[in-house]
């Protein structure tokens, strides 16, 4: 069997990471380059002249025209943080390079912070990934299937009626060889209205949607060409070649979660965990630059507050 070049690519090793981002000064220089690639521009008046000074370790720039002061991290995901920048960079590196997932507990040990701090950092980064993937749209041939996160509660309902199961839809764009290229994941109920909204948001013509016979997938007919395959039940239904890409992707997602997390509040946070997998999957072709791509977004996205992070959300 030939080697999978995507799976066995080297990525960014830990020695290379520490060589590039191991010190506070290196992280500052990187943030300056990502935030102001064409030079500093005052957010208040738009001019470019500035002077620099520090308050503690935090770097500030002051506009020479209007005297407006802004710190390097204001308006970014790092705003108001009391943690050193290398810890944030290491957290983003570990989350983007992981083959499967990384729990908050493992992150707390790896970067040397408390569990509550690691949990909040992880969710802020996952929320950043979710926002980045909001505009993702698939085209061409797209396999669509329904799935669930979570298991059955002892003494509760079984099957699709289980109170602990969170429904989500997986859509996978394939190439001519039938291989998965891009994925969109959405936590939503299996209704025609919800599926129609998902198709409008995440699919674009020219389009051929391949789905099974679940009633709600009729909504895909308005998105483009719709191929319904009646799979029936049992194990044979997941081996059909028409759904190889989406079934493999869902299997990898569930394996990554079950092998990493002991307990997740799926109903409250499933949309972020799905977005984390989606973000990495859609950028897996070049792991050497995935950290830079995430950091570039991080310096252009305001930090999400703890209250907002913990607020119950449903990604529909």
Protein backbone atom coordinates (compact mmCIF):
# COMPACT_ATOMS: atom_id res chain seq x y z
CA UNK A 1 0.00 0.00 0.00
CA UNK A 2 1.47 3.40 -0.98
CA UNK A 3 2.25 5.89 1.77
CA UNK A 4 -0.39 8.53 2.45
CA UNK A 5 1.58 11.74 1.86
CA UNK A 6 -0.88 13.90 3.78
CA UNK A 7 -0.93 11.63 6.82
CA UNK A 8 2.86 11.17 6.98
CA UNK A 9 3.93 14.76 6.30
CA UNK A 10 6.40 16.11 8.89
CA UNK A 11 4.48 19.22 10.01
CA UNK A 12 6.12 21.62 12.49
CA UNK A 13 8.14 19.70 15.08
CA UNK A 14 8.47 20.81 18.69
CA UNK A 15 12.20 21.67 18.29
CA UNK A 16 11.31 23.81 15.26
CA UNK A 17 8.45 25.43 17.17
CA UNK A 18 10.66 26.40 20.12
CA UNK A 19 13.34 27.64 17.74
CA UNK A 20 10.81 30.01 16.11
CA UNK A 21 8.48 30.91 19.01
CA UNK A 22 10.27 29.86 22.18
CA UNK A 23 10.74 33.35 23.67
CA UNK A 24 8.46 36.28 24.41
CA UNK A 25 10.41 38.48 22.00
CA UNK A 26 10.04 35.97 19.15
CA UNK A 27 6.28 35.77 19.73
CA UNK A 28 6.04 39.57 19.80
CA UNK A 29 7.94 39.87 16.53
CA UNK A 30 5.67 37.29 14.94
CA UNK A 31 2.50 39.08 16.15
CA UNK A 32 3.78 42.41 14.82
CA UNK A 33 4.38 40.86 11.41
CA UNK A 34 0.96 39.20 11.30
CA UNK A 35 -0.98 42.18 12.66
CA UNK A 36 0.76 44.93 10.67
CA UNK A 37 2.35 43.22 7.64
CA UNK A 38 2.63 46.56 5.81
CA UNK A 39 3.67 48.55 8.86
CA UNK A 40 1.81 50.02 11.81
CA UNK A 41 -1.43 51.89 11.09
CA UNK A 42 -3.10 53.82 13.88
CA UNK A 43 -6.59 52.38 14.51
CA UNK A 44 -7.85 55.86 15.48
CA UNK A 45 -6.59 58.15 12.68
CA UNK A 46 -5.08 55.81 10.09
CA UNK A 47 -1.57 57.30 10.03
CA UNK A 48 1.59 55.27 10.27
CA UNK A 49 4.05 57.11 12.51
CA UNK A 50 4.51 55.73 16.02
CA UNK A 51 6.67 55.47 19.09
CA UNK A 52 6.97 52.35 21.25
CA UNK A 53 7.01 51.84 25.00
CA UNK A 54 6.23 49.10 27.52
CA UNK A 55 4.07 48.70 30.57
CA UNK A 56 5.53 45.70 32.29
CA UNK A 57 6.14 43.17 29.52
CA UNK A 58 3.31 44.48 27.33
CA UNK A 59 4.39 46.36 24.20
CA UNK A 60 2.48 49.53 23.25
CA UNK A 61 2.58 51.75 20.20
CA UNK A 62 1.59 55.40 20.33
CA UNK A 63 0.55 57.31 17.22
CA UNK A 64 2.69 60.43 16.65
CA UNK A 65 -0.27 62.25 15.08
CA UNK A 66 -3.21 61.72 17.47
CA UNK A 67 -1.30 60.25 20.45
CA UNK A 68 -3.61 57.22 20.49
CA UNK A 69 -2.08 54.28 22.34
CA UNK A 70 -2.73 50.62 21.56
CA UNK A 71 -1.08 47.52 22.88
CA UNK A 72 0.13 44.74 20.65
CA UNK A 73 -2.60 42.37 21.86
CA UNK A 74 -5.63 44.70 22.10
CA UNK A 75 -8.39 43.61 19.74
CA UNK A 76 -6.93 40.11 19.44
CA UNK A 77 -7.70 36.77 21.04
CA UNK A 78 -4.86 37.46 23.50
CA UNK A 79 -6.38 40.70 24.85
CA UNK A 80 -6.33 41.03 28.67
CA UNK A 81 -4.38 37.79 29.05
CA UNK A 82 -1.96 37.49 31.95
CA UNK A 83 -0.23 34.48 30.44
CA UNK A 84 3.07 34.76 28.54
CA UNK A 85 2.64 34.74 24.79
CA UNK A 86 4.79 31.57 24.35
CA UNK A 87 2.18 29.61 26.34
CA UNK A 88 -0.58 30.79 23.97
CA UNK A 89 1.54 29.94 20.94
CA UNK A 90 2.32 26.49 22.34
CA UNK A 91 -1.38 25.85 23.02
CA UNK A 92 -2.28 26.78 19.43
CA UNK A 93 0.58 24.65 18.11
CA UNK A 94 -0.49 21.58 20.07
CA UNK A 95 -4.13 21.95 19.01
CA UNK A 96 -3.29 22.38 15.32
CA UNK A 97 -0.68 19.62 15.10
CA UNK A 98 -2.65 16.95 16.98
CA UNK A 99 -3.58 13.97 14.83
CA UNK A 100 -6.70 13.45 16.91
CA UNK A 101 -7.63 15.90 19.69
CA UNK A 102 -6.03 17.34 22.80
CA UNK A 103 -7.95 17.50 26.07
CA UNK A 104 -7.82 20.55 28.33
CA UNK A 105 -6.28 18.35 31.04
CA UNK A 106 -3.45 17.25 28.74
CA UNK A 107 -2.96 20.85 27.61
CA UNK A 108 -2.72 22.06 31.21
CA UNK A 109 0.15 19.62 31.80
CA UNK A 110 1.88 20.35 28.50
CA UNK A 111 1.97 24.15 28.82
CA UNK A 112 2.10 24.40 32.63
CA UNK A 113 -1.17 26.12 33.57
CA UNK A 114 -4.13 25.17 35.76
CA UNK A 115 -6.95 23.08 34.34
CA UNK A 116 -9.52 25.96 34.39
CA UNK A 117 -7.03 28.18 32.52
CA UNK A 118 -6.31 25.47 29.94
CA UNK A 119 -10.03 24.80 29.48
CA UNK A 120 -10.74 28.47 28.80
CA UNK A 121 -7.76 28.77 26.42
CA UNK A 122 -8.85 25.69 24.51
CA UNK A 123 -12.42 26.92 24.13
CA UNK A 124 -11.27 30.38 23.04
CA UNK A 125 -9.10 28.80 20.35
CA UNK A 126 -11.91 26.43 19.29
CA UNK A 127 -14.30 29.39 19.10
CA UNK A 128 -11.77 31.14 16.86
CA UNK A 129 -11.73 28.05 14.65
CA UNK A 130 -15.53 28.00 14.57
CA UNK A 131 -15.75 31.62 13.50
CA UNK A 132 -13.14 31.05 10.80
CA UNK A 133 -15.05 28.08 9.39
CA UNK A 134 -18.47 29.78 9.44
CA UNK A 135 -18.15 30.86 5.80
CA UNK A 136 -16.97 27.45 4.54
CA UNK A 137 -18.92 26.28 1.49
CA UNK A 138 -18.63 22.99 -0.37
CA UNK A 139 -19.19 22.41 -4.06
CA UNK A 140 -18.94 19.66 -6.68
CA UNK A 141 -19.75 16.17 -5.40
CA UNK A 142 -20.73 16.25 -1.71
CA UNK A 143 -21.57 13.24 0.45
CA UNK A 144 -23.97 14.03 3.31
CA UNK A 145 -24.86 11.86 6.29
CA UNK A 146 -26.42 12.13 9.73
CA UNK A 147 -24.64 11.14 12.93
CA UNK A 148 -24.69 11.57 16.71
CA UNK A 149 -22.31 12.55 19.45
CA UNK A 150 -22.71 11.03 22.88
CA UNK A 151 -23.96 7.68 24.13
CA UNK A 152 -27.04 6.29 25.77
CA UNK A 153 -27.78 7.11 29.39
CA UNK A 154 -28.26 4.22 31.78
CA UNK A 155 -32.00 3.75 32.25
CA UNK A 156 -32.84 6.28 29.53
CA UNK A 157 -34.12 5.96 26.00
CA UNK A 158 -32.14 3.97 23.47
CA UNK A 159 -31.29 4.73 19.84
CA UNK A 160 -32.06 8.13 18.33
CA UNK A 161 -34.30 9.00 21.24
CA UNK A 162 -31.50 8.94 23.81
CA UNK A 163 -31.38 12.12 25.90
CA UNK A 164 -27.57 12.15 25.79
CA UNK A 165 -27.23 12.08 22.01
CA UNK A 166 -26.57 15.27 20.04
CA UNK A 167 -27.44 15.13 16.32
CA UNK A 168 -25.13 16.58 13.70
CA UNK A 169 -24.74 16.52 9.93
CA UNK A 170 -21.49 15.83 8.10
CA UNK A 171 -20.97 16.98 4.52
CA UNK A 172 -17.78 15.95 2.71
CA UNK A 173 -16.61 17.31 -0.63
CA UNK A 174 -14.76 14.69 -2.69
CA UNK A 175 -12.41 14.80 -5.65
CA UNK A 176 -12.60 12.75 -8.85
CA UNK A 177 -10.99 9.78 -7.09
CA UNK A 178 -13.66 9.86 -4.37
CA UNK A 179 -11.24 11.09 -1.70
CA UNK A 180 -12.33 13.55 0.97
CA UNK A 181 -11.13 17.10 0.35
CA UNK A 182 -13.17 19.40 2.60
CA UNK A 183 -15.74 18.89 5.33
CA UNK A 184 -18.57 20.87 6.90
CA UNK A 185 -20.03 19.77 10.24
CA UNK A 186 -23.13 21.24 11.83
CA UNK A 187 -24.97 20.50 15.05
CA UNK A 188 -28.66 20.59 14.10
CA UNK A 189 -31.91 18.64 14.39
CA UNK A 190 -32.83 16.30 11.54
CA UNK A 191 -35.65 18.39 10.09
CA UNK A 192 -36.23 19.61 6.55
CA UNK A 193 -36.10 23.24 7.69
CA UNK A 194 -32.76 22.82 9.49
CA UNK A 195 -31.27 20.88 6.55
CA UNK A 196 -32.46 23.51 4.07
CA UNK A 197 -30.74 26.21 6.13
CA UNK A 198 -27.57 24.12 6.28
CA UNK A 199 -27.59 23.66 2.50
CA UNK A 200 -28.07 27.40 1.91
CA UNK A 201 -25.21 28.23 4.26
CA UNK A 202 -22.68 25.50 3.47
CA UNK A 203 -23.26 24.27 -0.11
CA UNK A 204 -22.76 26.09 -3.41
CA UNK A 205 -23.52 25.22 -7.04
CA UNK A 206 -22.42 23.42 -9.17
CA UNK A 207 -23.41 20.68 -6.78
CA UNK A 208 -24.29 17.02 -6.58
CA UNK A 209 -25.47 15.94 -3.14
CA UNK A 210 -25.31 12.22 -2.32
CA UNK A 211 -27.36 11.21 0.72
CA UNK A 212 -29.20 8.25 2.16
CA UNK A 213 -32.96 7.97 2.43
CA UNK A 214 -33.43 9.94 5.67
CA UNK A 215 -36.57 12.05 5.12
CA UNK A 216 -35.00 15.41 6.01
CA UNK A 217 -32.41 15.08 3.21
CA UNK A 218 -35.16 15.85 0.70
CA UNK A 219 -34.28 19.48 1.51
CA UNK A 220 -31.05 19.00 -0.47
CA UNK A 221 -33.02 18.90 -3.72
CA UNK A 222 -33.15 22.69 -3.75
CA UNK A 223 -29.36 22.96 -3.47
CA UNK A 224 -28.54 21.16 -6.72
CA UNK A 225 -28.59 17.64 -8.15
CA UNK A 226 -29.64 15.23 -5.42
CA UNK A 227 -28.81 11.51 -5.50
CA UNK A 228 -30.68 9.56 -2.82
CA UNK A 229 -29.33 6.10 -2.03
CA UNK A 230 -31.61 3.86 0.04
CA UNK A 231 -29.11 2.09 2.28
CA UNK A 232 -31.36 0.08 4.56
CA UNK A 233 -30.10 -0.82 8.02
CA UNK A 234 -27.29 -2.87 9.49
CA UNK A 235 -23.53 -2.83 9.04
CA UNK A 236 -23.73 -3.15 5.27
CA UNK A 237 -25.16 0.36 5.02
CA UNK A 238 -21.88 1.92 6.18
CA UNK A 239 -19.74 0.07 3.64
CA UNK A 240 -21.38 1.46 0.51
CA UNK A 241 -18.80 3.09 -1.76
CA UNK A 242 -21.11 6.08 -2.36
CA UNK A 243 -20.55 7.11 1.28
CA UNK A 244 -16.96 6.01 1.83
CA UNK A 245 -15.58 9.53 2.31
CA UNK A 246 -18.23 10.76 4.74
CA UNK A 247 -18.33 7.51 6.73
CA UNK A 248 -14.53 7.53 7.08
CA UNK A 249 -14.58 11.16 8.19
CA UNK A 250 -17.31 10.54 10.78
CA UNK A 251 -15.43 7.47 12.02
CA UNK A 252 -12.21 9.47 12.42
CA UNK A 253 -14.09 12.21 14.28
CA UNK A 254 -15.69 9.81 16.75
CA UNK A 255 -12.45 7.89 17.27
CA UNK A 256 -10.60 11.12 17.99
CA UNK A 257 -13.19 12.19 20.55
CA UNK A 258 -13.67 8.86 22.29
CA UNK A 259 -9.92 8.35 22.54
CA UNK A 260 -9.28 11.80 24.03
CA UNK A 261 -12.19 12.97 26.14
CA UNK A 262 -13.77 11.23 29.12
CA UNK A 263 -16.72 13.61 29.38
CA UNK A 264 -18.02 16.45 27.18
CA UNK A 265 -21.15 18.52 27.54
CA UNK A 266 -22.19 17.76 23.98
CA UNK A 267 -25.46 19.66 24.06
CA UNK A 268 -23.67 22.84 25.13
CA UNK A 269 -20.28 22.69 23.40
CA UNK A 270 -20.59 20.22 20.52
CA UNK A 271 -20.50 23.02 17.93
CA UNK A 272 -16.97 23.99 19.04
CA UNK A 273 -15.61 20.46 19.13
CA UNK A 274 -17.02 19.87 15.65
CA UNK A 275 -15.43 23.13 14.45
CA UNK A 276 -12.06 22.12 15.89
CA UNK A 277 -12.08 18.89 13.87
CA UNK A 278 -13.36 20.72 10.78
CA UNK A 279 -10.67 23.41 10.99
CA UNK A 280 -7.81 20.92 11.23
CA UNK A 281 -9.28 18.62 8.58
CA UNK A 282 -9.66 21.39 6.01
CA UNK A 283 -6.06 22.55 6.53
CA UNK A 284 -4.38 19.18 6.88
CA UNK A 285 -2.57 19.37 3.53
CA UNK A 286 0.20 21.61 4.91
CA UNK A 287 0.73 21.20 8.66
CA UNK A 288 3.89 23.32 8.56
CA UNK A 289 1.90 26.56 8.16
CA UNK A 290 -1.34 25.75 10.02
CA UNK A 291 -0.12 27.55 13.17
CA UNK A 292 0.68 30.70 11.19
CA UNK A 293 -2.75 30.60 9.55
CA UNK A 294 -4.49 30.31 12.92
CA UNK A 295 -2.34 33.03 14.51
CA UNK A 296 -3.04 35.37 11.56
CA UNK A 297 -6.75 35.04 12.36
CA UNK A 298 -6.13 35.31 16.10
CA UNK A 299 -4.66 38.82 15.78
CA UNK A 300 -7.73 39.93 13.80
CA UNK A 301 -10.37 38.49 16.13
CA UNK A 302 -11.46 39.97 19.44
CA UNK A 303 -11.16 37.77 22.50
CA UNK A 304 -14.33 35.98 23.57
CA UNK A 305 -15.23 36.59 27.20
CA UNK A 306 -15.49 33.81 29.77
CA UNK A 307 -19.22 34.50 30.10
CA UNK A 308 -19.74 34.13 26.34
CA UNK A 309 -17.62 30.99 26.23
CA UNK A 310 -19.69 29.33 28.95
CA UNK A 311 -23.05 30.47 27.57
CA UNK A 312 -25.14 27.65 26.14
CA UNK A 313 -25.22 27.72 22.37
CA UNK A 314 -26.67 25.54 19.66
CA UNK A 315 -24.89 25.69 16.33
CA UNK A 316 -27.75 25.41 13.84
